[in-house]
C-alpha atoms as a PDB file:
ATOM      1  CA  UNK A   1      -3.964  -7.635  47.963  1.00  0.00           C
ATOM      2  CA  UNK A   2      -2.127  -6.332  44.201  1.00  0.00           C
ATOM      3  CA  UNK A   3      -4.803  -4.861  41.126  1.00  0.00           C
ATOM      4  CA  UNK A   4      -4.944  -5.257  38.235  1.00  0.00           C
ATOM      5  CA  UNK A   5      -3.482  -2.898  36.104  1.00  0.00           C
ATOM      6  CA  UNK A   6      -6.535   0.049  35.868  1.00  0.00           C
ATOM      7  CA  UNK A   7      -8.727  -1.919  38.543  1.00  0.00           C
ATOM      8  CA  UNK A   8      -9.323   0.431  40.972  1.00  0.00           C
ATOM      9  CA  UNK A   9     -11.608  -0.866  43.802  1.00  0.00           C
ATOM     10  CA  UNK A  10     -10.388  -4.874  42.355  1.00  0.00           C
ATOM     11  CA  UNK A  11     -11.312  -7.371  45.974  1.00  0.00           C
ATOM     12  CA  UNK A  12      -9.565  -9.561  43.673  1.00  0.00           C
ATOM     13  CA  UNK A  13      -7.775 -11.712  46.015  1.00  0.00           C
ATOM     14  CA  UNK A  14      -5.210 -12.984  43.513  1.00  0.00           C
ATOM     15  CA  UNK A  15      -1.353 -11.052  42.547  1.00  0.00           C
ATOM     16  CA  UNK A  16      -1.891  -9.160  39.186  1.00  0.00           C
ATOM     17  CA  UNK A  17       0.026 -11.551  37.235  1.00  0.00           C
ATOM     18  CA  UNK A  18      -2.223 -14.474  37.734  1.00  0.00           C
ATOM     19  CA  UNK A  19      -5.338 -12.222  37.745  1.00  0.00           C
ATOM     20  CA  UNK A  20      -4.639 -10.981  33.922  1.00  0.00           C
ATOM     21  CA  UNK A  21      -3.736 -14.499  33.259  1.00  0.00           C
ATOM     22  CA  UNK A  22      -7.305 -15.156  34.658  1.00  0.00           C
ATOM     23  CA  UNK A  23      -9.490 -12.739  33.335  1.00  0.00           C
ATOM     24  CA  UNK A  24      -7.445 -12.224  30.398  1.00  0.00           C
ATOM     25  CA  UNK A  25      -6.543  -8.666  31.260  1.00  0.00           C
ATOM     26  CA  UNK A  26     -10.105  -7.527  32.016  1.00  0.00           C
ATOM     27  CA  UNK A  27     -11.267  -5.672  34.932  1.00  0.00           C
ATOM     28  CA  UNK A  28     -14.127  -8.391  37.202  1.00  0.00           C
ATOM     29  CA  UNK A  29     -16.694  -5.903  37.873  1.00  0.00           C
ATOM     30  CA  UNK A  30     -17.465  -3.206  40.854  1.00  0.00           C
ATOM     31  CA  UNK A  31     -19.208  -5.429  43.380  1.00  0.00           C
ATOM     32  CA  UNK A  32     -21.715  -1.727  44.340  1.00  0.00           C
ATOM     33  CA  UNK A  33     -22.501  -1.234  39.905  1.00  0.00           C
ATOM     34  CA  UNK A  34     -25.879  -1.991  40.763  1.00  0.00           C
ATOM     35  CA  UNK A  35     -26.429   1.050  43.655  1.00  0.00           C
ATOM     36  CA  UNK A  36     -24.069   3.433  42.107  1.00  0.00           C
ATOM     37  CA  UNK A  37     -25.981   3.017  38.403  1.00  0.00           C
ATOM     38  CA  UNK A  38     -29.357   3.454  40.674  1.00  0.00           C
ATOM     39  CA  UNK A  39     -28.480   6.214  43.085  1.00  0.00           C
ATOM     40  CA  UNK A  40     -28.103   8.189  39.347  1.00  0.00           C
ATOM     41  CA  UNK A  41     -30.947   7.377  37.971  1.00  0.00           C
ATOM     42  CA  UNK A  42     -32.694   8.738  40.862  1.00  0.00           C
ATOM     43  CA  UNK A  43     -30.608  11.904  40.958  1.00  0.00           C
ATOM     44  CA  UNK A  44     -31.543  11.711  37.083  1.00  0.00           C
ATOM     45  CA  UNK A  45     -34.961  11.166  37.765  1.00  0.00           C
ATOM     46  CA  UNK A  46     -35.245  13.839  40.778  1.00  0.00           C
ATOM     47  CA  UNK A  47     -33.278  16.702  38.604  1.00  0.00           C
ATOM     48  CA  UNK A  48     -35.704  15.614  35.718  1.00  0.00           C
ATOM     49  CA  UNK A  49     -38.646  16.619  38.150  1.00  0.00           C
ATOM     50  CA  UNK A  50     -36.909  19.675  40.022  1.00  0.00           C
ATOM     51  CA  UNK A  51     -36.055  21.093  36.093  1.00  0.00           C
ATOM     52  CA  UNK A  52     -40.134  20.534  34.957  1.00  0.00           C
ATOM     53  CA  UNK A  53     -41.672  22.060  38.886  1.00  0.00           C
ATOM     54  CA  UNK A  54     -38.839  25.322  37.905  1.00  0.00           C
ATOM     55  CA  UNK A  55     -40.041  25.993  34.949  1.00  0.00           C
ATOM     56  CA  UNK A  56     -43.508  25.045  34.872  1.00  0.00           C
ATOM     57  CA  UNK A  57     -43.675  27.912  37.889  1.00  0.00           C
ATOM     58  CA  UNK A  58     -41.478  29.889  37.368  1.00  0.00           C
ATOM     59  CA  UNK A  59     -44.148  30.874  33.441  1.00  0.00           C
ATOM     60  CA  UNK A  60     -40.947  30.282  31.849  1.00  0.00           C
ATOM     61  CA  UNK A  61     -42.690  26.641  29.558  1.00  0.00           C
ATOM     62  CA  UNK A  62     -45.812  26.013  30.098  1.00  0.00           C
ATOM     63  CA  UNK A  63     -46.579  22.052  31.226  1.00  0.00           C
ATOM     64  CA  UNK A  64     -46.860  19.773  27.978  1.00  0.00           C
ATOM     65  CA  UNK A  65     -43.877  21.670  26.598  1.00  0.00           C
ATOM     66  CA  UNK A  66     -42.730  21.358  29.797  1.00  0.00           C
ATOM     67  CA  UNK A  67     -43.178  17.487  29.706  1.00  0.00           C
ATOM     68  CA  UNK A  68     -41.208  17.316  26.442  1.00  0.00           C
ATOM     69  CA  UNK A  69     -38.438  19.544  26.741  1.00  0.00           C
ATOM     70  CA  UNK A  70     -37.165  18.249  29.848  1.00  0.00           C
ATOM     71  CA  UNK A  71     -36.940  15.358  28.487  1.00  0.00           C
ATOM     72  CA  UNK A  72     -35.316  15.408  25.379  1.00  0.00           C
ATOM     73  CA  UNK A  73     -33.054  17.180  27.499  1.00  0.00           C
ATOM     74  CA  UNK A  74     -32.049  15.272  29.784  1.00  0.00           C
ATOM     75  CA  UNK A  75     -32.243  12.248  26.977  1.00  0.00           C
END
């Protein structure tokens, strides 16, 4: 199966010229995009909690300051 130029992982059954004509040269959405985004958000959330706990337990920041700084730093 051919894929449109720059569309890696596409499951498009059409040859590249037909797929480009049908989609206007735009890659079709990745079938697992929602899973990828959710897993990245989960990882980011756990990392934020770990950084917050490190800052508070190592007494580098008070809990209130940590609750303010960690989301600002990750945002």
